[in-house]
Amino acid sequence: MPSFDVSINIWTLLILVFGAALLGFAGRSRQLARKNRNIAELEKEMIQAHAELLEMQKDYCEMELRLKDVSPPPVIPIKSGQKQDPAPKPLSNRSDVQKDRPTGTA
């Protein structure tokens, strides 16, 4: 039966452990750098979106102030284009109503 003789020097073992740790740290630091870059990009987008909202709110408030300064408010009445019914004439007494009422006889 063949037997293998494996002898590892202490220096070789230390170099292997140190190399594995260095490789692990390098991979993790690259992962963290990518995550931080993505976070910074998302924060930049959020700040830009909030700035746009604040600018629109500022424009809206300025427009409101300008409309308050206008003496007659720009309101268009709904019934402006329709004809108004004449006021009904008051009835003087009951005999006028009875004269105008149809009797139903022919």
PDB file of N, CA and C in Angstrom:
ATOM      1  N   MET A   1       0.807  -1.164   0.000  1.00  0.00           N
ATOM      2  CA  MET A   1       0.000   0.000   0.000  1.00  0.00           C
ATOM      3  C   MET A   1       0.863   1.246   0.000  1.00  0.00           C
ATOM      4  N   PRO A   2       0.551   2.173  -0.940  1.00  0.00           N
ATOM      5  CA  PRO A   2       1.404   3.359  -1.001  1.00  0.00           C
ATOM      6  C   PRO A   2       1.083   4.306   0.158  1.00  0.00           C
ATOM      7  N   SER A   3       2.066   4.912   0.643  1.00  0.00           N
ATOM      8  CA  SER A   3       1.870   5.897   1.699  1.00  0.00           C
ATOM      9  C   SER A   3       2.467   7.224   1.242  1.00  0.00           C
ATOM     10  N   PHE A   4       1.811   8.266   1.613  1.00  0.00           N
ATOM     11  CA  PHE A   4       2.268   9.596   1.217  1.00  0.00           C
ATOM     12  C   PHE A   4       2.825  10.299   2.445  1.00  0.00           C
ATOM     13  N   ASP A   5       3.913  10.921   2.229  1.00  0.00           N
ATOM     14  CA  ASP A   5       4.520  11.674   3.321  1.00  0.00           C
ATOM     15  C   ASP A   5       4.303  13.149   3.037  1.00  0.00           C
ATOM     16  N   VAL A   6       3.473  13.803   3.858  1.00  0.00           N
ATOM     17  CA  VAL A   6       3.170  15.210   3.665  1.00  0.00           C
ATOM     18  C   VAL A   6       3.807  15.968   4.821  1.00  0.00           C
ATOM     19  N   SER A   7       4.693  16.823   4.442  1.00  0.00           N
ATOM     20  CA  SER A   7       5.304  17.657   5.476  1.00  0.00           C
ATOM     21  C   SER A   7       5.093  19.107   5.076  1.00  0.00           C
ATOM     22  N   ILE A   8       4.497  19.878   5.982  1.00  0.00           N
ATOM     23  CA  ILE A   8       4.216  21.281   5.714  1.00  0.00           C
ATOM     24  C   ILE A   8       5.069  22.104   6.670  1.00  0.00           C
ATOM     25  N   ASN A   9       5.723  23.022   6.072  1.00  0.00           N
ATOM     26  CA  ASN A   9       6.556  23.917   6.840  1.00  0.00           C
ATOM     27  C   ASN A   9       5.650  24.954   7.506  1.00  0.00           C
ATOM     28  N   ILE A  10       5.987  25.446   8.663  1.00  0.00           N
ATOM     29  CA  ILE A  10       5.192  26.445   9.367  1.00  0.00           C
ATOM     30  C   ILE A  10       5.094  27.734   8.576  1.00  0.00           C
ATOM     31  N   TRP A  11       6.135  28.082   7.860  1.00  0.00           N
ATOM     32  CA  TRP A  11       6.141  29.310   7.048  1.00  0.00           C
ATOM     33  C   TRP A  11       5.180  29.173   5.873  1.00  0.00           C
ATOM     34  N   THR A  12       5.101  28.035   5.299  1.00  0.00           N
ATOM     35  CA  THR A  12       4.174  27.795   4.186  1.00  0.00           C
ATOM     36  C   THR A  12       2.734  27.913   4.686  1.00  0.00           C
ATOM     37  N   LEU A  13       2.465  27.365   5.858  1.00  0.00           N
ATOM     38  CA  LEU A  13       1.124  27.447   6.433  1.00  0.00           C
ATOM     39  C   LEU A  13       0.750  28.902   6.735  1.00  0.00           C
ATOM     40  N   LEU A  14       1.650  29.668   7.283  1.00  0.00           N
ATOM     41  CA  LEU A  14       1.390  31.078   7.568  1.00  0.00           C
ATOM     42  C   LEU A  14       1.150  31.880   6.286  1.00  0.00           C
ATOM     43  N   ILE A  15       1.898  31.595   5.266  1.00  0.00           N
ATOM     44  CA  ILE A  15       1.723  32.297   3.970  1.00  0.00           C
ATOM     45  C   ILE A  15       0.361  31.957   3.375  1.00  0.00           C
ATOM     46  N   LEU A  16      -0.059  30.709   3.461  1.00  0.00           N
ATOM     47  CA  LEU A  16      -1.367  30.315   2.929  1.00  0.00           C
ATOM     48  C   LEU A  16      -2.502  30.999   3.701  1.00  0.00           C
ATOM     49  N   VAL A  17      -2.435  31.035   5.016  1.00  0.00           N
ATOM     50  CA  VAL A  17      -3.469  31.667   5.832  1.00  0.00           C
ATOM     51  C   VAL A  17      -3.500  33.163   5.561  1.00  0.00           C
ATOM     52  N   PHE A  18      -2.340  33.784   5.494  1.00  0.00           N
ATOM     53  CA  PHE A  18      -2.271  35.216   5.221  1.00  0.00           C
ATOM     54  C   PHE A  18      -2.818  35.545   3.825  1.00  0.00           C
ATOM     55  N   GLY A  19      -2.511  34.736   2.838  1.00  0.00           N
ATOM     56  CA  GLY A  19      -3.024  34.944   1.470  1.00  0.00           C
ATOM     57  C   GLY A  19      -4.538  34.792   1.409  1.00  0.00           C
ATOM     58  N   ALA A  20      -5.088  33.798   2.119  1.00  0.00           N
ATOM     59  CA  ALA A  20      -6.538  33.590   2.131  1.00  0.00           C
ATOM     60  C   ALA A  20      -7.240  34.771   2.809  1.00  0.00           C
ATOM     61  N   ALA A  21      -6.664  35.264   3.919  1.00  0.00           N
ATOM     62  CA  ALA A  21      -7.250  36.417   4.606  1.00  0.00           C
ATOM     63  C   ALA A  21      -7.194  37.648   3.714  1.00  0.00           C
ATOM     64  N   LEU A  22      -6.090  37.858   3.040  1.00  0.00           N
ATOM     65  CA  LEU A  22      -5.962  39.004   2.135  1.00  0.00           C
ATOM     66  C   LEU A  22      -6.967  38.922   1.000  1.00  0.00           C
ATOM     67  N   LEU A  23      -7.144  37.752   0.445  1.00  0.00           N
ATOM     68  CA  LEU A  23      -8.110  37.557  -0.634  1.00  0.00           C
ATOM     69  C   LEU A  23      -9.535  37.816  -0.129  1.00  0.00           C
ATOM     70  N   GLY A  24      -9.874  37.362   1.065  1.00  0.00           N
ATOM     71  CA  GLY A  24     -11.198  37.596   1.641  1.00  0.00           C
ATOM     72  C   GLY A  24     -11.439  39.074   1.915  1.00  0.00           C
ATOM     73  N   PHE A  25     -10.460  39.765   2.462  1.00  0.00           N
ATOM     74  CA  PHE A  25     -10.597  41.202   2.722  1.00  0.00           C
ATOM     75  C   PHE A  25     -10.751  42.002   1.442  1.00  0.00           C
ATOM     76  N   ALA A  26     -10.017  41.600   0.398  1.00  0.00           N
ATOM     77  CA  ALA A  26     -10.101  42.320  -0.884  1.00  0.00           C
ATOM     78  C   ALA A  26     -11.501  42.164  -1.489  1.00  0.00           C
ATOM     79  N   GLY A  27     -12.035  40.938  -1.455  1.00  0.00           N
ATOM     80  CA  GLY A  27     -13.377  40.712  -2.002  1.00  0.00           C
ATOM     81  C   GLY A  27     -14.437  41.480  -1.233  1.00  0.00           C
ATOM     82  N   ARG A  28     -14.329  41.477   0.088  1.00  0.00           N
ATOM     83  CA  ARG A  28     -15.331  42.174   0.907  1.00  0.00           C
ATOM     84  C   ARG A  28     -15.238  43.689   0.741  1.00  0.00           C
ATOM     85  N   SER A  29     -14.010  44.209   0.630  1.00  0.00           N
ATOM     86  CA  SER A  29     -13.872  45.661   0.444  1.00  0.00           C
ATOM     87  C   SER A  29     -14.439  46.098  -0.910  1.00  0.00           C
ATOM     88  N   ARG A  30     -14.276  45.271  -1.912  1.00  0.00           N
ATOM     89  CA  ARG A  30     -14.866  45.588  -3.223  1.00  0.00           C
ATOM     90  C   ARG A  30     -16.394  45.552  -3.141  1.00  0.00           C
ATOM     91  N   GLN A  31     -16.946  44.600  -2.398  1.00  0.00           N
ATOM     92  CA  GLN A  31     -18.393  44.504  -2.196  1.00  0.00           C
ATOM     93  C   GLN A  31     -18.919  45.742  -1.462  1.00  0.00           C
ATOM     94  N   LEU A  32     -18.229  46.181  -0.418  1.00  0.00           N
ATOM     95  CA  LEU A  32     -18.632  47.363   0.338  1.00  0.00           C
ATOM     96  C   LEU A  32     -18.540  48.629  -0.509  1.00  0.00           C
ATOM     97  N   ALA A  33     -17.508  48.729  -1.337  1.00  0.00           N
ATOM     98  CA  ALA A  33     -17.365  49.899  -2.197  1.00  0.00           C
ATOM     99  C   ALA A  33     -18.516  49.989  -3.190  1.00  0.00           C
ATOM    100  N   ARG A  34     -18.908  48.852  -3.758  1.00  0.00           N
ATOM    101  CA  ARG A  34     -20.033  48.831  -4.702  1.00  0.00           C
ATOM    102  C   ARG A  34     -21.335  49.215  -3.999  1.00  0.00           C
ATOM    103  N   LYS A  35     -21.549  48.694  -2.777  1.00  0.00           N
ATOM    104  CA  LYS A  35     -22.750  49.033  -2.006  1.00  0.00           C
ATOM    105  C   LYS A  35     -22.786  50.529  -1.675  1.00  0.00           C
ATOM    106  N   ASN A  36     -21.663  51.078  -1.241  1.00  0.00           N
ATOM    107  CA  ASN A  36     -21.604  52.510  -0.914  1.00  0.00           C
ATOM    108  C   ASN A  36     -21.837  53.380  -2.147  1.00  0.00           C
ATOM    109  N   ARG A  37     -21.341  52.942  -3.301  1.00  0.00           N
ATOM    110  CA  ARG A  37     -21.568  53.681  -4.543  1.00  0.00           C
ATOM    111  C   ARG A  37     -23.052  53.673  -4.903  1.00  0.00           C
ATOM    112  N   ASN A  38     -23.719  52.530  -4.742  1.00  0.00           N
ATOM    113  CA  ASN A  38     -25.162  52.454  -5.023  1.00  0.00           C
ATOM    114  C   ASN A  38     -25.957  53.316  -4.060  1.00  0.00           C
ATOM    115  N   ILE A  39     -25.578  53.309  -2.790  1.00  0.00           N
ATOM    116  CA  ILE A  39     -26.277  54.132  -1.800  1.00  0.00           C
ATOM    117  C   ILE A  39     -26.121  55.611  -2.128  1.00  0.00           C
ATOM    118  N   ALA A  40     -24.913  56.025  -2.506  1.00  0.00           N
ATOM    119  CA  ALA A  40     -24.678  57.426  -2.853  1.00  0.00           C
ATOM    120  C   ALA A  40     -25.495  57.832  -4.078  1.00  0.00           C
ATOM    121  N   GLU A  41     -25.605  56.941  -5.048  1.00  0.00           N
ATOM    122  CA  GLU A  41     -26.393  57.231  -6.252  1.00  0.00           C
ATOM    123  C   GLU A  41     -27.878  57.377  -5.913  1.00  0.00           C
ATOM    124  N   LEU A  42     -28.402  56.492  -5.070  1.00  0.00           N
ATOM    125  CA  LEU A  42     -29.805  56.577  -4.669  1.00  0.00           C
ATOM    126  C   LEU A  42     -30.078  57.838  -3.845  1.00  0.00           C
ATOM    127  N   GLU A  43     -29.146  58.198  -2.976  1.00  0.00           N
ATOM    128  CA  GLU A  43     -29.313  59.434  -2.202  1.00  0.00           C
ATOM    129  C   GLU A  43     -29.338  60.651  -3.115  1.00  0.00           C
ATOM    130  N   LYS A  44     -28.494  60.642  -4.131  1.00  0.00           N
ATOM    131  CA  LYS A  44     -28.459  61.754  -5.087  1.00  0.00           C
ATOM    132  C   LYS A  44     -29.797  61.868  -5.822  1.00  0.00           C
ATOM    133  N   GLU A  45     -30.368  60.732  -6.238  1.00  0.00           N
ATOM    134  CA  GLU A  45     -31.664  60.743  -6.914  1.00  0.00           C
ATOM    135  C   GLU A  45     -32.763  61.260  -5.989  1.00  0.00           C
ATOM    136  N   MET A  46     -32.743  60.845  -4.726  1.00  0.00           N
ATOM    137  CA  MET A  46     -33.754  61.300  -3.768  1.00  0.00           C
ATOM    138  C   MET A  46     -33.640  62.803  -3.527  1.00  0.00           C
ATOM    139  N   ILE A  47     -32.425  63.298  -3.394  1.00  0.00           N
ATOM    140  CA  ILE A  47     -32.231  64.733  -3.179  1.00  0.00           C
ATOM    141  C   ILE A  47     -32.734  65.514  -4.390  1.00  0.00           C
ATOM    142  N   GLN A  48     -32.473  65.004  -5.591  1.00  0.00           N
ATOM    143  CA  GLN A  48     -32.939  65.677  -6.803  1.00  0.00           C
ATOM    144  C   GLN A  48     -34.474  65.673  -6.858  1.00  0.00           C
ATOM    145  N   ALA A  49     -35.092  64.552  -6.505  1.00  0.00           N
ATOM    146  CA  ALA A  49     -36.559  64.478  -6.524  1.00  0.00           C
ATOM    147  C   ALA A  49     -37.159  65.433  -5.496  1.00  0.00           C
ATOM    148  N   HIS A  50     -36.568  65.498  -4.314  1.00  0.00           N
ATOM    149  CA  HIS A  50     -37.071  66.417  -3.290  1.00  0.00           C
ATOM    150  C   HIS A  50     -36.887  67.864  -3.720  1.00  0.00           C
ATOM    151  N   ALA A  51     -35.773  68.159  -4.388  1.00  0.00           N
ATOM    152  CA  ALA A  51     -35.544  69.526  -4.866  1.00  0.00           C
ATOM    153  C   ALA A  51     -36.597  69.920  -5.901  1.00  0.00           C
ATOM    154  N   GLU A  52     -36.946  68.994  -6.787  1.00  0.00           N
ATOM    155  CA  GLU A  52     -37.983  69.278  -7.788  1.00  0.00           C
ATOM    156  C   GLU A  52     -39.327  69.532  -7.109  1.00  0.00           C
ATOM    157  N   LEU A  53     -39.659  68.723  -6.102  1.00  0.00           N
ATOM    158  CA  LEU A  53     -40.925  68.922  -5.388  1.00  0.00           C
ATOM    159  C   LEU A  53     -40.955  70.270  -4.677  1.00  0.00           C
ATOM    160  N   LEU A  54     -39.850  70.630  -4.046  1.00  0.00           N
ATOM    161  CA  LEU A  54     -39.802  71.910  -3.347  1.00  0.00           C
ATOM    162  C   LEU A  54     -39.904  73.078  -4.322  1.00  0.00           C
ATOM    163  N   GLU A  55     -39.289  72.938  -5.486  1.00  0.00           N
ATOM    164  CA  GLU A  55     -39.376  74.002  -6.493  1.00  0.00           C
ATOM    165  C   GLU A  55     -40.806  74.151  -6.996  1.00  0.00           C
ATOM    166  N   MET A  56     -41.497  73.029  -7.222  1.00  0.00           N
ATOM    167  CA  MET A  56     -42.885  73.098  -7.673  1.00  0.00           C
ATOM    168  C   MET A  56     -43.771  73.701  -6.590  1.00  0.00           C
ATOM    169  N   GLN A  57     -43.512  73.367  -5.319  1.00  0.00           N
ATOM    170  CA  GLN A  57     -44.282  73.933  -4.220  1.00  0.00           C
ATOM    171  C   GLN A  57     -44.057  75.433  -4.123  1.00  0.00           C
ATOM    172  N   LYS A  58     -42.828  75.867  -4.346  1.00  0.00           N
ATOM    173  CA  LYS A  58     -42.510  77.300  -4.319  1.00  0.00           C
ATOM    174  C   LYS A  58     -43.262  78.028  -5.431  1.00  0.00           C
ATOM    175  N   ASP A  59     -43.252  77.457  -6.640  1.00  0.00           N
ATOM    176  CA  ASP A  59     -43.985  78.068  -7.753  1.00  0.00           C
ATOM    177  C   ASP A  59     -45.477  78.145  -7.443  1.00  0.00           C
ATOM    178  N   TYR A  60     -46.022  77.092  -6.849  1.00  0.00           N
ATOM    179  CA  TYR A  60     -47.444  77.062  -6.507  1.00  0.00           C
ATOM    180  C   TYR A  60     -47.785  78.157  -5.496  1.00  0.00           C
ATOM    181  N   CYS A  61     -46.941  78.316  -4.478  1.00  0.00           N
ATOM    182  CA  CYS A  61     -47.191  79.346  -3.465  1.00  0.00           C
ATOM    183  C   CYS A  61     -47.093  80.747  -4.067  1.00  0.00           C
ATOM    184  N   GLU A  62     -46.125  80.954  -4.965  1.00  0.00           N
ATOM    185  CA  GLU A  62     -46.002  82.260  -5.625  1.00  0.00           C
ATOM    186  C   GLU A  62     -47.232  82.547  -6.474  1.00  0.00           C
ATOM    187  N   MET A  63     -47.747  81.542  -7.171  1.00  0.00           N
ATOM    188  CA  MET A  63     -48.934  81.719  -8.004  1.00  0.00           C
ATOM    189  C   MET A  63     -50.147  82.039  -7.127  1.00  0.00           C
ATOM    190  N   GLU A  64     -50.243  81.371  -5.986  1.00  0.00           N
ATOM    191  CA  GLU A  64     -51.343  81.659  -5.061  1.00  0.00           C
ATOM    192  C   GLU A  64     -51.290  83.100  -4.576  1.00  0.00           C
ATOM    193  N   LEU A  65     -50.104  83.575  -4.247  1.00  0.00           N
ATOM    194  CA  LEU A  65     -49.956  84.959  -3.789  1.00  0.00           C
ATOM    195  C   LEU A  65     -50.346  85.948  -4.886  1.00  0.00           C
ATOM    196  N   ARG A  66     -49.958  85.646  -6.123  1.00  0.00           N
ATOM    197  CA  ARG A  66     -50.323  86.541  -7.234  1.00  0.00           C
ATOM    198  C   ARG A  66     -51.834  86.565  -7.440  1.00  0.00           C
ATOM    199  N   LEU A  67     -52.503  85.425  -7.280  1.00  0.00           N
ATOM    200  CA  LEU A  67     -53.949  85.374  -7.463  1.00  0.00           C
ATOM    201  C   LEU A  67     -54.679  86.082  -6.321  1.00  0.00           C
ATOM    202  N   LYS A  68     -54.099  86.102  -5.131  1.00  0.00           N
ATOM    203  CA  LYS A  68     -54.719  86.831  -4.024  1.00  0.00           C
ATOM    204  C   LYS A  68     -54.685  88.330  -4.268  1.00  0.00           C
ATOM    205  N   ASP A  69     -53.654  88.824  -4.958  1.00  0.00           N
ATOM    206  CA  ASP A  69     -53.511  90.252  -5.209  1.00  0.00           C
ATOM    207  C   ASP A  69     -54.454  90.757  -6.294  1.00  0.00           C
ATOM    208  N   VAL A  70     -54.972  89.873  -7.133  1.00  0.00           N
ATOM    209  CA  VAL A  70     -55.889  90.274  -8.201  1.00  0.00           C
ATOM    210  C   VAL A  70     -57.205  90.695  -7.551  1.00  0.00           C
ATOM    211  N   SER A  71     -57.703  91.947  -7.898  1.00  0.00           N
ATOM    212  CA  SER A  71     -58.914  92.449  -7.236  1.00  0.00           C
ATOM    213  C   SER A  71     -60.139  91.590  -7.502  1.00  0.00           C
ATOM    214  N   PRO A  72     -60.653  91.499  -8.739  1.00  0.00           N
ATOM    215  CA  PRO A  72     -61.755  90.549  -8.917  1.00  0.00           C
ATOM    216  C   PRO A  72     -61.166  89.175  -9.211  1.00  0.00           C
ATOM    217  N   PRO A  73     -61.509  88.197  -8.437  1.00  0.00           N
ATOM    218  CA  PRO A  73     -60.959  86.870  -8.711  1.00  0.00           C
ATOM    219  C   PRO A  73     -61.456  86.353 -10.056  1.00  0.00           C
ATOM    220  N   PRO A  74     -60.608  85.669 -10.784  1.00  0.00           N
ATOM    221  CA  PRO A  74     -60.990  85.181 -12.117  1.00  0.00           C
ATOM    222  C   PRO A  74     -61.949  84.001 -12.032  1.00  0.00           C
ATOM    223  N   VAL A  75     -63.197  84.295 -11.702  1.00  0.00           N
ATOM    224  CA  VAL A  75     -64.214  83.247 -11.588  1.00  0.00           C
ATOM    225  C   VAL A  75     -65.241  83.464 -12.685  1.00  0.00           C
ATOM    226  N   ILE A  76     -65.560  82.434 -13.399  1.00  0.00           N
ATOM    227  CA  ILE A  76     -66.558  82.519 -14.463  1.00  0.00           C
ATOM    228  C   ILE A  76     -67.855  81.946 -13.908  1.00  0.00           C
ATOM    229  N   PRO A  77     -68.919  82.743 -13.859  1.00  0.00           N
ATOM    230  CA  PRO A  77     -70.184  82.211 -13.331  1.00  0.00           C
ATOM    231  C   PRO A  77     -70.754  81.153 -14.268  1.00  0.00           C
ATOM    232  N   ILE A  78     -71.384  80.177 -13.702  1.00  0.00           N
ATOM    233  CA  ILE A  78     -71.914  79.063 -14.481  1.00  0.00           C
ATOM    234  C   ILE A  78     -73.132  79.502 -15.296  1.00  0.00           C
ATOM    235  N   LYS A  79     -74.008  80.337 -14.756  1.00  0.00           N
ATOM    236  CA  LYS A  79     -75.250  80.701 -15.422  1.00  0.00           C
ATOM    237  C   LYS A  79     -75.105  81.936 -16.304  1.00  0.00           C
ATOM    238  N   SER A  80     -73.917  82.360 -16.625  1.00  0.00           N
ATOM    239  CA  SER A  80     -73.745  83.593 -17.392  1.00  0.00           C
ATOM    240  C   SER A  80     -74.273  83.475 -18.822  1.00  0.00           C
ATOM    241  N   GLY A  81     -74.196  82.301 -19.422  1.00  0.00           N
ATOM    242  CA  GLY A  81     -74.634  82.138 -20.803  1.00  0.00           C
ATOM    243  C   GLY A  81     -76.092  81.764 -20.936  1.00  0.00           C
ATOM    244  N   GLN A  82     -76.799  81.501 -19.863  1.00  0.00           N
ATOM    245  CA  GLN A  82     -78.196  81.080 -19.935  1.00  0.00           C
ATOM    246  C   GLN A  82     -79.111  82.280 -19.742  1.00  0.00           C
ATOM    247  N   LYS A  83     -80.328  82.156 -20.336  1.00  0.00           N
ATOM    248  CA  LYS A  83     -81.320  83.220 -20.157  1.00  0.00           C
ATOM    249  C   LYS A  83     -81.940  83.078 -18.775  1.00  0.00           C
ATOM    250  N   GLN A  84     -82.205  84.194 -18.171  1.00  0.00           N
ATOM    251  CA  GLN A  84     -82.839  84.191 -16.859  1.00  0.00           C
ATOM    252  C   GLN A  84     -84.353  84.246 -17.038  1.00  0.00           C
ATOM    253  N   ASP A  85     -85.073  83.470 -16.256  1.00  0.00           N
ATOM    254  CA  ASP A  85     -86.534  83.480 -16.325  1.00  0.00           C
ATOM    255  C   ASP A  85     -87.053  84.782 -15.710  1.00  0.00           C
ATOM    256  N   PRO A  86     -88.102  85.354 -16.349  1.00  0.00           N
ATOM    257  CA  PRO A  86     -88.668  86.562 -15.742  1.00  0.00           C
ATOM    258  C   PRO A  86     -89.345  86.205 -14.427  1.00  0.00           C
ATOM    259  N   ALA A  87     -89.380  87.172 -13.544  1.00  0.00           N
ATOM    260  CA  ALA A  87     -89.996  86.941 -12.242  1.00  0.00           C
ATOM    261  C   ALA A  87     -91.503  86.758 -12.425  1.00  0.00           C
ATOM    262  N   PRO A  88     -92.118  85.841 -11.694  1.00  0.00           N
ATOM    263  CA  PRO A  88     -93.571  85.646 -11.843  1.00  0.00           C
ATOM    264  C   PRO A  88     -94.312  86.872 -11.315  1.00  0.00           C
ATOM    265  N   LYS A  89     -95.397  87.218 -12.044  1.00  0.00           N
ATOM    266  CA  LYS A  89     -96.155  88.398 -11.614  1.00  0.00           C
ATOM    267  C   LYS A  89     -97.028  88.033 -10.418  1.00  0.00           C
ATOM    268  N   PRO A  90     -97.126  88.908  -9.466  1.00  0.00           N
ATOM    269  CA  PRO A  90     -97.914  88.610  -8.263  1.00  0.00           C
ATOM    270  C   PRO A  90     -99.414  88.609  -8.598  1.00  0.00           C
ATOM    271  N   LEU A  91    -100.141  87.753  -7.927  1.00  0.00           N
ATOM    272  CA  LEU A  91    -101.591  87.662  -8.121  1.00  0.00           C
ATOM    273  C   LEU A  91    -102.275  88.712  -7.237  1.00  0.00           C
ATOM    274  N   SER A  92    -103.185  89.455  -7.852  1.00  0.00           N
ATOM    275  CA  SER A  92    -103.834  90.528  -7.089  1.00  0.00           C
ATOM    276  C   SER A  92    -104.926  89.980  -6.167  1.00  0.00           C
ATOM    277  N   ASN A  93    -105.786  89.136  -6.697  1.00  0.00           N
ATOM    278  CA  ASN A  93    -106.822  88.546  -5.848  1.00  0.00           C
ATOM    279  C   ASN A  93    -107.246  87.199  -6.416  1.00  0.00           C
ATOM    280  N   ARG A  94    -108.106  86.542  -5.738  1.00  0.00           N
ATOM    281  CA  ARG A  94    -108.489  85.186  -6.089  1.00  0.00           C
ATOM    282  C   ARG A  94    -109.406  85.148  -7.313  1.00  0.00           C
ATOM    283  N   SER A  95    -110.126  86.173  -7.590  1.00  0.00           N
ATOM    284  CA  SER A  95    -111.042  86.165  -8.733  1.00  0.00           C
ATOM    285  C   SER A  95    -110.281  86.133 -10.053  1.00  0.00           C
ATOM    286  N   ASP A  96    -109.064  86.725 -10.110  1.00  0.00           N
ATOM    287  CA  ASP A  96    -108.251  86.675 -11.334  1.00  0.00           C
ATOM    288  C   ASP A  96    -107.827  85.243 -11.629  1.00  0.00           C
ATOM    289  N   VAL A  97    -107.507  84.513 -10.600  1.00  0.00           N
ATOM    290  CA  VAL A  97    -107.071  83.128 -10.777  1.00  0.00           C
ATOM    291  C   VAL A  97    -108.239  82.295 -11.287  1.00  0.00           C
ATOM    292  N   GLN A  98    -109.415  82.526 -10.768  1.00  0.00           N
ATOM    293  CA  GLN A  98    -110.568  81.743 -11.190  1.00  0.00           C
ATOM    294  C   GLN A  98    -110.955  82.063 -12.624  1.00  0.00           C
ATOM    295  N   LYS A  99    -110.745  83.280 -13.097  1.00  0.00           N
ATOM    296  CA  LYS A  99    -111.077  83.629 -14.480  1.00  0.00           C
ATOM    297  C   LYS A  99    -110.131  82.961 -15.455  1.00  0.00           C
ATOM    298  N   ASP A 100    -108.861  82.846 -15.095  1.00  0.00           N
ATOM    299  CA  ASP A 100    -107.871  82.287 -16.008  1.00  0.00           C
ATOM    300  C   ASP A 100    -107.884  80.747 -16.021  1.00  0.00           C
ATOM    301  N   ARG A 101    -108.563  80.142 -15.062  1.00  0.00           N
ATOM    302  CA  ARG A 101    -108.544  78.686 -14.933  1.00  0.00           C
ATOM    303  C   ARG A 101    -109.476  78.063 -15.974  1.00  0.00           C
ATOM    304  N   PRO A 102    -109.001  77.034 -16.658  1.00  0.00           N
ATOM    305  CA  PRO A 102    -109.888  76.356 -17.620  1.00  0.00           C
ATOM    306  C   PRO A 102    -110.972  75.592 -16.878  1.00  0.00           C
ATOM    307  N   THR A 103    -112.154  75.611 -17.421  1.00  0.00           N
ATOM    308  CA  THR A 103    -113.295  74.968 -16.760  1.00  0.00           C
ATOM    309  C   THR A 103    -113.462  73.531 -17.168  1.00  0.00           C
ATOM    310  N   GLY A 104    -112.983  73.145 -18.305  1.00  0.00           N
ATOM    311  CA  GLY A 104    -113.126  71.785 -18.766  1.00  0.00           C
ATOM    312  C   GLY A 104    -114.406  71.575 -19.554  1.00  0.00           C
ATOM    313  N   THR A 105    -115.189  72.595 -19.787  1.00  0.00           N
ATOM    314  CA  THR A 105    -116.388  72.435 -20.614  1.00  0.00           C
ATOM    315  C   THR A 105    -116.093  72.944 -22.005  1.00  0.00           C
ATOM    316  N   ALA A 106    -116.666  72.304 -22.959  1.00  0.00           N
ATOM    317  CA  ALA A 106    -116.396  72.723 -24.306  1.00  0.00           C
ATOM    318  C   ALA A 106    -117.561  73.388 -24.966  1.00  0.00           C
TER     319      ALA A 106
END
